[in-house]
Amino acid sequence: MDANPIIAIVMLLLTFSVMFNVRDYNDLIEDHNKLVEKYNNKLTEVKDLKIEVKNFKVLMKDYRENLSELINKKDNQESQIEMLTTEIKEREKEYNNLLEEYWSYNNYTWAGCSDSRTILKFCKGCNWDLVCSGSMRPTYSCENTLYFCSPKKSEITIGSIIAFSTPEYENEDFDTFYTIHRVIDITNKGYVTRGDNNLYIDEFIVPYQNIRGKLYKIEG
């Protein structure tokens, strides 16, 4: 048998084998490139995720700090509210004590007269208008209606509010003019008076005969 055909066949087989191997190698290279590309994409995704996680950690840190600050502010506000509430209660207690002391000092119980009839009535639009001097604020004002009864001498005590004509008032029509102040002392000559809103006592002593009525009720 001639060797040349055999060699030719072997060479042909080697050529086909190389061609197939080259094709397989190219396929492998392509697959490798695809894998490298996918890997790089994954690396980019991981890198982006790491950045997001880092940003999230920063946000969480800020959130915790803000939350802690808000909790501290809330605690401070609650503490301030508690302090203010305590202070308000103390002020109310002081006010009530002062009010109680005031009325106790003046010893005024709004007791009427044995003769319970109203002899004088001061109000807006009444026959006797209340003059707005402000001397008896805050006990009453011109918006109130005042009722007076006719007191016996024994029924006028320290703390009573009386309507009287001033001793110096010599007008013939003096009965239409009255001063309404509180009795703060009683002497042998008469009654020492002062307006609740006045710093000084009245400069005169009111004799019993000048008293026109004793206040026993306030409305309005």
Protein backbone atom coordinates (compact mmCIF):
# COMPACT_ATOMS: atom_id res chain seq x y z
CA MET A 1 0.00 0.00 0.00
CA ASP A 2 1.24 3.42 -0.91
CA ALA A 3 2.09 5.58 2.18
CA ASN A 4 1.08 8.83 0.64
CA PRO A 5 -2.68 8.33 0.88
CA ILE A 6 -2.34 7.32 4.54
CA ILE A 7 -0.34 10.42 5.30
CA ALA A 8 -2.86 12.49 3.47
CA ILE A 9 -5.70 10.99 5.54
CA VAL A 10 -3.83 11.56 8.80
CA MET A 11 -3.13 15.12 7.85
CA LEU A 12 -6.75 15.63 6.96
CA LEU A 13 -7.86 14.24 10.31
CA LEU A 14 -5.40 16.47 12.13
CA THR A 15 -6.67 19.44 10.21
CA PHE A 16 -10.30 18.68 11.18
CA SER A 17 -9.22 18.12 14.75
CA VAL A 18 -7.44 21.47 14.90
CA MET A 19 -10.43 23.18 13.32
CA PHE A 20 -12.78 21.70 15.93
CA ASN A 21 -10.39 22.55 18.74
CA VAL A 22 -10.08 26.16 17.55
CA ARG A 23 -13.88 26.42 17.44
CA ASP A 24 -14.16 25.03 20.95
CA TYR A 25 -11.47 27.42 22.12
CA ASN A 26 -13.28 30.40 20.61
CA ASP A 27 -16.48 29.28 22.29
CA LEU A 28 -14.63 29.02 25.56
CA ILE A 29 -13.18 32.49 25.09
CA GLU A 30 -16.62 33.90 24.37
CA ASP A 31 -18.09 32.16 27.40
CA HIS A 32 -15.19 33.43 29.47
CA ASN A 33 -15.78 36.99 28.28
CA LYS A 34 -19.45 36.72 29.10
CA LEU A 35 -18.63 35.45 32.57
CA VAL A 36 -16.10 38.26 33.08
CA GLU A 37 -18.70 40.81 31.97
CA LYS A 38 -21.30 39.32 34.29
CA TYR A 39 -18.75 39.29 37.10
CA ASN A 40 -17.90 42.96 36.50
CA ASN A 41 -21.59 43.82 36.47
CA LYS A 42 -22.03 41.99 39.75
CA LEU A 43 -19.02 43.82 41.17
CA THR A 44 -20.61 47.12 40.15
CA GLU A 45 -23.89 46.08 41.75
CA VAL A 46 -22.09 45.05 44.93
CA LYS A 47 -20.18 48.33 44.93
CA ASP A 48 -23.46 50.25 44.54
CA LEU A 49 -25.01 48.19 47.31
CA LYS A 50 -22.05 48.92 49.58
CA ILE A 51 -22.52 52.64 48.91
CA GLU A 52 -26.24 52.33 49.66
CA VAL A 53 -25.47 50.43 52.87
CA LYS A 54 -22.95 53.08 53.87
CA ASN A 55 -25.46 55.84 53.17
CA PHE A 56 -28.12 53.93 55.04
CA LYS A 57 -25.80 53.57 58.04
CA VAL A 58 -25.23 57.35 57.96
CA LEU A 59 -28.98 57.91 57.81
CA MET A 60 -29.53 55.49 60.68
CA LYS A 61 -26.90 57.29 62.73
CA ASP A 62 -28.55 60.65 62.02
CA TYR A 63 -31.94 59.14 62.83
CA ARG A 64 -30.72 57.77 66.17
CA GLU A 65 -29.14 61.11 67.04
CA ASN A 66 -32.30 63.02 66.06
CA LEU A 67 -34.44 60.50 67.93
CA SER A 68 -32.26 60.88 71.01
CA GLU A 69 -32.47 64.66 70.70
CA LEU A 70 -36.24 64.52 70.30
CA ILE A 71 -36.54 62.24 73.33
CA ASN A 72 -34.42 64.66 75.35
CA LYS A 73 -36.55 67.59 74.18
CA LYS A 74 -39.70 65.66 75.02
CA ASP A 75 -38.34 64.84 78.47
CA ASN A 76 -37.34 68.48 78.97
CA GLN A 77 -40.76 69.69 77.83
CA GLU A 78 -42.52 67.24 80.11
CA SER A 79 -40.27 68.37 82.94
CA GLN A 80 -41.04 72.03 82.14
CA ILE A 81 -44.77 71.28 81.93
CA GLU A 82 -44.59 69.53 85.29
CA MET A 83 -42.71 72.48 86.78
CA LEU A 84 -45.20 74.96 85.30
CA THR A 85 -48.14 72.88 86.54
CA THR A 86 -46.61 72.80 90.01
CA GLU A 87 -45.97 76.55 89.85
CA ILE A 88 -49.54 77.23 88.70
CA LYS A 89 -50.91 75.13 91.56
CA GLU A 90 -48.67 76.99 94.01
CA ARG A 91 -49.77 80.35 92.58
CA GLU A 92 -53.42 79.31 92.79
CA LYS A 93 -52.86 78.21 96.38
CA GLU A 94 -51.15 81.54 97.17
CA TYR A 95 -54.00 83.42 95.47
CA ASN A 96 -56.64 81.49 97.39
CA ASN A 97 -54.74 82.04 100.63
CA LEU A 98 -54.44 85.75 99.90
CA LEU A 99 -58.12 85.95 99.00
CA GLU A 100 -59.08 84.08 102.14
CA GLU A 101 -56.76 86.30 104.19
CA TYR A 102 -58.25 89.39 102.54
CA TRP A 103 -61.80 88.48 103.37
CA SER A 104 -60.79 87.24 106.79
CA TYR A 105 -58.96 90.51 107.43
CA ASN A 106 -61.94 92.57 106.43
CA ASN A 107 -64.28 90.26 108.33
CA TYR A 108 -67.01 90.78 105.76
CA THR A 109 -69.57 88.02 105.48
CA TRP A 110 -72.16 89.75 103.27
CA ALA A 111 -74.61 89.58 106.15
CA GLY A 112 -77.77 91.56 105.51
CA CYS A 113 -79.91 93.54 107.92
CA SER A 114 -82.69 92.45 110.22
CA ASP A 115 -84.84 94.67 108.01
CA SER A 116 -84.25 92.75 104.77
CA ARG A 117 -85.98 95.27 102.50
CA THR A 118 -83.88 96.88 99.77
CA ILE A 119 -83.80 100.63 100.39
CA LEU A 120 -81.14 101.51 97.82
CA LYS A 121 -80.30 99.90 94.50
CA PHE A 122 -77.40 101.12 92.42
CA CYS A 123 -77.09 100.03 88.79
CA LYS A 124 -77.03 101.35 85.27
CA GLY A 125 -80.42 102.79 84.44
CA CYS A 126 -81.60 102.77 88.04
CA ASN A 127 -82.79 105.80 89.96
CA TRP A 128 -79.42 105.86 91.72
CA ASP A 129 -76.56 105.59 89.28
CA LEU A 130 -73.28 104.06 90.42
CA VAL A 131 -70.43 106.54 89.92
CA CYS A 132 -67.46 104.79 88.29
CA SER A 133 -64.54 106.03 90.37
CA GLY A 134 -62.82 102.64 90.52
CA SER A 135 -62.17 103.03 94.25
CA MET A 136 -63.85 99.70 95.06
CA ARG A 137 -62.43 97.53 92.30
CA PRO A 138 -62.32 94.56 92.06
CA THR A 139 -65.12 94.11 94.62
CA TYR A 140 -67.61 95.72 92.25
CA SER A 141 -67.76 97.95 89.20
CA CYS A 142 -70.35 99.95 87.30
CA GLU A 143 -71.41 96.75 85.55
CA ASN A 144 -72.71 95.38 88.86
CA THR A 145 -76.01 95.97 90.61
CA LEU A 146 -75.71 96.75 94.33
CA TYR A 147 -78.44 96.14 96.90
CA PHE A 148 -78.50 97.94 100.24
CA CYS A 149 -80.60 97.34 103.33
CA SER A 150 -81.22 99.61 106.32
CA PRO A 151 -78.80 98.53 109.09
CA LYS A 152 -79.03 98.97 112.80
CA LYS A 153 -75.93 100.40 114.44
CA SER A 154 -74.97 96.96 115.77
CA GLU A 155 -75.21 95.48 112.27
CA ILE A 156 -72.40 97.66 110.92
CA THR A 157 -69.11 95.92 111.63
CA ILE A 158 -65.54 96.12 110.38
CA GLY A 159 -65.66 94.84 106.82
CA SER A 160 -69.19 96.08 106.05
CA ILE A 161 -69.60 98.07 102.84
CA ILE A 162 -71.81 101.09 103.42
CA ALA A 163 -73.38 103.83 101.32
CA PHE A 164 -73.11 107.18 103.09
CA SER A 165 -73.21 110.90 102.52
CA THR A 166 -69.89 112.51 103.30
CA PRO A 167 -69.90 114.76 106.36
CA GLU A 168 -68.42 117.67 104.37
CA TYR A 169 -71.10 117.54 101.70
CA GLU A 170 -73.44 120.44 102.50
CA ASN A 171 -75.53 120.55 99.35
CA GLU A 172 -79.24 120.71 100.17
CA ASP A 173 -79.73 117.72 97.87
CA PHE A 174 -76.98 115.69 99.58
CA ASP A 175 -79.21 112.62 99.88
CA THR A 176 -78.76 111.99 96.14
CA PHE A 177 -74.97 111.76 96.47
CA TYR A 178 -73.37 108.76 98.12
CA THR A 179 -69.95 107.29 98.69
CA ILE A 180 -69.73 103.50 98.88
CA HIS A 181 -66.69 102.31 100.82
CA ARG A 182 -65.73 99.61 103.28
CA VAL A 183 -65.62 100.09 107.05
CA ILE A 184 -62.07 99.37 108.25
CA ASP A 185 -62.37 100.66 111.81
CA ILE A 186 -64.99 101.84 114.31
CA THR A 187 -64.37 104.69 116.76
CA ASN A 188 -66.45 106.58 119.28
CA LYS A 189 -67.05 109.30 116.68
CA GLY A 190 -68.10 106.97 113.87
CA TYR A 191 -66.74 104.77 111.11
CA VAL A 192 -63.36 104.86 109.37
CA THR A 193 -63.74 103.92 105.69
CA ARG A 194 -61.60 103.24 102.66
CA GLY A 195 -62.11 102.07 99.08
CA ASP A 196 -60.76 98.55 98.42
CA ASN A 197 -58.66 99.94 95.56
CA ASN A 198 -57.44 103.01 97.47
CA LEU A 199 -54.08 103.22 99.22
CA TYR A 200 -55.25 105.68 101.85
CA ILE A 201 -58.20 105.80 104.20
CA ASP A 202 -60.89 108.44 103.80
CA GLU A 203 -60.07 111.77 105.45
CA PHE A 204 -63.27 111.88 107.48
CA ILE A 205 -65.13 109.88 110.11
CA VAL A 206 -68.61 108.79 109.03
CA PRO A 207 -71.24 109.21 111.78
CA TYR A 208 -74.02 106.65 111.99
CA GLN A 209 -76.67 109.17 110.90
CA ASN A 210 -74.88 109.67 107.56
CA ILE A 211 -75.14 105.98 106.65
CA ARG A 212 -77.90 105.40 104.10
CA GLY A 213 -77.52 101.65 103.66
CA LYS A 214 -75.43 98.51 104.06
CA LEU A 215 -74.45 96.41 101.03
CA TYR A 216 -75.73 92.85 101.24
CA LYS A 217 -75.84 91.63 97.63
CA ILE A 218 -73.96 92.18 94.37
CA GLU A 219 -75.25 91.03 91.00
CA GLY A 220 -73.71 91.07 87.56
